[in-house]
Amino acid sequence: MSNTANTFYATGRRKEATARVWLSAGEGKIVINGRTLDEYFGRETSKMIINQPLLLLEQQGKVDIKVNVTGGGLSGQAGAIRHGISRALVAYNPEFRPTLKKAGFLTRDPRAVERKKYGQPGARRRFQFSKR
């Protein structure tokens, strides 16, 4: 998390997705991989997840956010962006930390896909049993 000329940087992760977030004072523009929030995410739940830390701290419309996100699917990317925005907000104003910590936005979600085991078709799935 670095600060250069009133721009605050943080990294967020979820599943296989990694989001690099730059936050600066502005009028509330969110740009993800060169596209607007509405262009990048079609699903309303993804947009809601991204805006959660801003709504909680009443910072919506006060900060501009630029994001580069790679890996994973759209759901994992939304979670990674939320994590990155939360960490960038703490760099922007350390007084936000207790509120974000209590909401659980600063904790990296450790859940990931379970590995496939040998002798079976998936992580938990078994091959079909045949008696005869």
Foldseek 3Di string as FASTA:
>chain_A
DDDDPQWFWFWFFFAFKIKIKIKHFDQAFEAEPNHGPVVVDVDPVLVCLLCVLCVQVVCHGTMYMYMYMDDDDSNRRSLRNQLGVQVRVCVNPVVSVVSCVVVVSPDHPPDYAAAADPQADGNPHHPDDDPD
